[in-house]
C-alpha atoms as a PDB file:
ATOM      1  CA  MET A   1     370.523  72.963 166.247  1.00  0.00           C
ATOM      2  CA  GLU A   2     367.682  74.695 164.450  1.00  0.00           C
ATOM      3  CA  GLN A   3     368.139  78.204 163.071  1.00  0.00           C
ATOM      4  CA  THR A   4     365.327  80.692 163.245  1.00  0.00           C
ATOM      5  CA  ILE A   5     365.022  83.348 160.632  1.00  0.00           C
ATOM      6  CA  GLU A   6     363.502  86.558 161.822  1.00  0.00           C
ATOM      7  CA  LYS A   7     361.139  88.167 159.360  1.00  0.00           C
ATOM      8  CA  VAL A   8     361.797  91.866 158.860  1.00  0.00           C
ATOM      9  CA  ILE A   9     358.964  94.181 157.940  1.00  0.00           C
ATOM     10  CA  PHE A  10     359.889  97.456 156.261  1.00  0.00           C
ATOM     11  CA  GLU A  11     358.156 100.788 156.293  1.00  0.00           C
ATOM     12  CA  VAL A  12     358.353 102.522 152.918  1.00  0.00           C
ATOM     13  CA  VAL A  13     359.277 106.095 153.691  1.00  0.00           C
ATOM     14  CA  ARG A  14     359.992 107.465 150.229  1.00  0.00           C
ATOM     15  CA  ILE A  15     359.934 106.213 146.680  1.00  0.00           C
ATOM     16  CA  LYS A  16     362.334 108.049 144.437  1.00  0.00           C
ATOM     17  CA  GLN A  17     361.635 108.198 140.750  1.00  0.00           C
ATOM     18  CA  GLU A  18     363.861 109.174 137.888  1.00  0.00           C
ATOM     19  CA  ILE A  19     362.519 112.284 136.255  1.00  0.00           C
ATOM     20  CA  ARG A  20     363.495 113.172 132.708  1.00  0.00           C
ATOM     21  CA  PRO A  21     362.115 116.053 130.740  1.00  0.00           C
ATOM     22  CA  LEU A  22     360.332 115.067 127.563  1.00  0.00           C
ATOM     23  CA  PRO A  23     362.244 115.677 124.348  1.00  0.00           C
ATOM     24  CA  LYS A  24     361.591 119.181 123.060  1.00  0.00           C
ATOM     25  CA  GLU A  25     359.384 118.042 120.182  1.00  0.00           C
ATOM     26  CA  TYR A  26     357.087 116.235 122.657  1.00  0.00           C
ATOM     27  CA  ALA A  27     357.186 118.865 125.389  1.00  0.00           C
ATOM     28  CA  GLU A  28     355.918 121.478 122.938  1.00  0.00           C
ATOM     29  CA  LYS A  29     352.910 119.285 122.153  1.00  0.00           C
ATOM     30  CA  ILE A  30     351.699 119.154 125.741  1.00  0.00           C
ATOM     31  CA  LYS A  31     349.500 122.134 126.330  1.00  0.00           C
ATOM     32  CA  LEU A  32     349.638 123.978 129.595  1.00  0.00           C
ATOM     33  CA  SER A  33     345.873 124.282 129.485  1.00  0.00           C
ATOM     34  CA  PRO A  34     343.856 121.599 131.256  1.00  0.00           C
ATOM     35  CA  ILE A  35     342.340 118.563 129.579  1.00  0.00           C
ATOM     36  CA  ARG A  36     338.703 119.654 129.247  1.00  0.00           C
ATOM     37  CA  SER A  37     337.316 116.971 126.957  1.00  0.00           C
ATOM     38  CA  PRO A  38     338.059 113.557 125.486  1.00  0.00           C
ATOM     39  CA  LYS A  39     339.135 115.362 122.303  1.00  0.00           C
ATOM     40  CA  ASP A  40     341.873 117.204 124.233  1.00  0.00           C
ATOM     41  CA  ALA A  41     343.197 113.861 125.496  1.00  0.00           C
ATOM     42  CA  ILE A  42     343.004 112.319 122.021  1.00  0.00           C
ATOM     43  CA  ASP A  43     344.849 115.264 120.478  1.00  0.00           C
ATOM     44  CA  LEU A  44     347.606 114.947 123.063  1.00  0.00           C
ATOM     45  CA  ALA A  45     347.898 111.189 122.582  1.00  0.00           C
ATOM     46  CA  VAL A  46     347.986 111.473 118.802  1.00  0.00           C
ATOM     47  CA  SER A  47     350.708 114.105 119.024  1.00  0.00           C
ATOM     48  CA  LEU A  48     352.815 111.802 121.210  1.00  0.00           C
ATOM     49  CA  ILE A  49     352.257 108.330 119.703  1.00  0.00           C
ATOM     50  CA  GLY A  50     350.017 108.791 116.683  1.00  0.00           C
ATOM     51  CA  ASP A  51     352.627 107.857 114.085  1.00  0.00           C
ATOM     52  CA  SER A  52     354.205 104.978 115.988  1.00  0.00           C
ATOM     53  CA  ASP A  53     354.722 101.622 114.274  1.00  0.00           C
ATOM     54  CA  ARG A  54     354.221  99.677 117.531  1.00  0.00           C
ATOM     55  CA  GLU A  55     351.511  99.625 120.145  1.00  0.00           C
ATOM     56  CA  HIS A  56     352.045 101.955 123.102  1.00  0.00           C
ATOM     57  CA  PHE A  57     350.187 102.167 126.401  1.00  0.00           C
ATOM     58  CA  LEU A  58     350.476 105.596 128.013  1.00  0.00           C
ATOM     59  CA  ILE A  59     349.331 106.916 131.335  1.00  0.00           C
ATOM     60  CA  ILE A  60     348.657 110.641 131.351  1.00  0.00           C
ATOM     61  CA  CYS A  61     348.712 111.885 134.936  1.00  0.00           C
ATOM     62  CA  LEU A  62     346.599 114.907 135.808  1.00  0.00           C
ATOM     63  CA  ASN A  63     346.518 117.206 138.808  1.00  0.00           C
ATOM     64  CA  VAL A  64     343.327 118.487 140.458  1.00  0.00           C
ATOM     65  CA  LYS A  65     342.969 121.155 137.742  1.00  0.00           C
ATOM     66  CA  ASN A  66     343.190 118.480 135.006  1.00  0.00           C
ATOM     67  CA  GLU A  67     346.588 119.774 133.919  1.00  0.00           C
ATOM     68  CA  VAL A  68     349.108 117.214 132.708  1.00  0.00           C
ATOM     69  CA  ASN A  69     351.808 116.712 135.317  1.00  0.00           C
ATOM     70  CA  ALA A  70     353.371 113.545 133.880  1.00  0.00           C
ATOM     71  CA  VAL A  71     353.244 111.203 130.921  1.00  0.00           C
ATOM     72  CA  HIS A  72     354.331 107.639 131.564  1.00  0.00           C
ATOM     73  CA  ILE A  73     354.940 105.028 128.867  1.00  0.00           C
ATOM     74  CA  ALA A  74     353.670 101.989 130.736  1.00  0.00           C
ATOM     75  CA  HIS A  75     354.471  99.602 127.886  1.00  0.00           C
ATOM     76  CA  ILE A  76     355.706  99.509 124.310  1.00  0.00           C
ATOM     77  CA  GLY A  77     354.467  96.415 122.591  1.00  0.00           C
ATOM     78  CA  SER A  78     354.752  94.836 119.198  1.00  0.00           C
ATOM     79  CA  LEU A  79     352.806  95.380 116.018  1.00  0.00           C
ATOM     80  CA  SER A  80     349.683  93.739 117.426  1.00  0.00           C
ATOM     81  CA  ALA A  81     349.980  93.550 121.228  1.00  0.00           C
ATOM     82  CA  SER A  82     350.777  95.651 124.269  1.00  0.00           C
ATOM     83  CA  ILE A  83     350.541  93.995 127.652  1.00  0.00           C
ATOM     84  CA  VAL A  84     350.587  96.253 130.676  1.00  0.00           C
ATOM     85  CA  SER A  85     350.126  95.358 134.318  1.00  0.00           C
ATOM     86  CA  GLN A  86     347.810  97.227 136.660  1.00  0.00           C
ATOM     87  CA  ARG A  87     350.819  97.720 138.906  1.00  0.00           C
ATOM     88  CA  GLU A  88     352.524  99.940 136.322  1.00  0.00           C
ATOM     89  CA  ILE A  89     349.390 102.001 135.843  1.00  0.00           C
ATOM     90  CA  PHE A  90     348.791 102.689 139.518  1.00  0.00           C
ATOM     91  CA  LYS A  91     352.487 103.099 140.324  1.00  0.00           C
ATOM     92  CA  SER A  92     352.848 106.031 137.929  1.00  0.00           C
ATOM     93  CA  ALA A  93     349.636 107.605 139.198  1.00  0.00           C
ATOM     94  CA  ILE A  94     350.653 107.343 142.841  1.00  0.00           C
ATOM     95  CA  ILE A  95     354.272 108.422 142.399  1.00  0.00           C
ATOM     96  CA  ASN A  96     353.177 111.523 140.491  1.00  0.00           C
ATOM     97  CA  ASN A  97     350.521 112.438 143.082  1.00  0.00           C
ATOM     98  CA  SER A  98     347.874 112.347 140.386  1.00  0.00           C
ATOM     99  CA  ALA A  99     344.305 113.329 141.082  1.00  0.00           C
ATOM    100  CA  SER A 100     343.248 111.401 137.996  1.00  0.00           C
ATOM    101  CA  ILE A 101     344.711 109.534 135.049  1.00  0.00           C
ATOM    102  CA  ILE A 102     343.953 108.947 131.414  1.00  0.00           C
ATOM    103  CA  ALA A 103     344.958 105.598 129.937  1.00  0.00           C
ATOM    104  CA  VAL A 104     345.853 105.746 126.257  1.00  0.00           C
ATOM    105  CA  HIS A 105     346.455 102.907 123.832  1.00  0.00           C
ATOM    106  CA  ASN A 106     347.154 103.158 120.124  1.00  0.00           C
ATOM    107  CA  ILE A 107     346.676 100.690 117.299  1.00  0.00           C
ATOM    108  CA  PRO A 108     349.272 101.170 114.552  1.00  0.00           C
ATOM    109  CA  VAL A 109     347.964 101.528 111.036  1.00  0.00           C
ATOM    110  CA  ILE A 110     349.921  99.588 108.457  1.00  0.00           C
ATOM    111  CA  THR A 111     349.656 101.030 104.977  1.00  0.00           C
END
């Protein structure tokens, strides 16, 4: 007797994310003013990951007024590599209802 397996298709109704406030030293670095230029984005990125000894790939999520509504560390790599999937980039943007995103990647300086 042959068994048939019925395929079930799901409707995704809600995706719940874990939300944690940034540590105080990082939260203070994020300005409430909008990102108005590439320099604003660079200043924010440097304040968050500028002194890191490993490569980081951040997604800065912005609302329609270009205000930061989330910062997502998509990947922390090694000294010389950080591999991030497109899925992680778009997932953070969609979950945070972002109007736009800024992708940030650092290259650690070894002295």
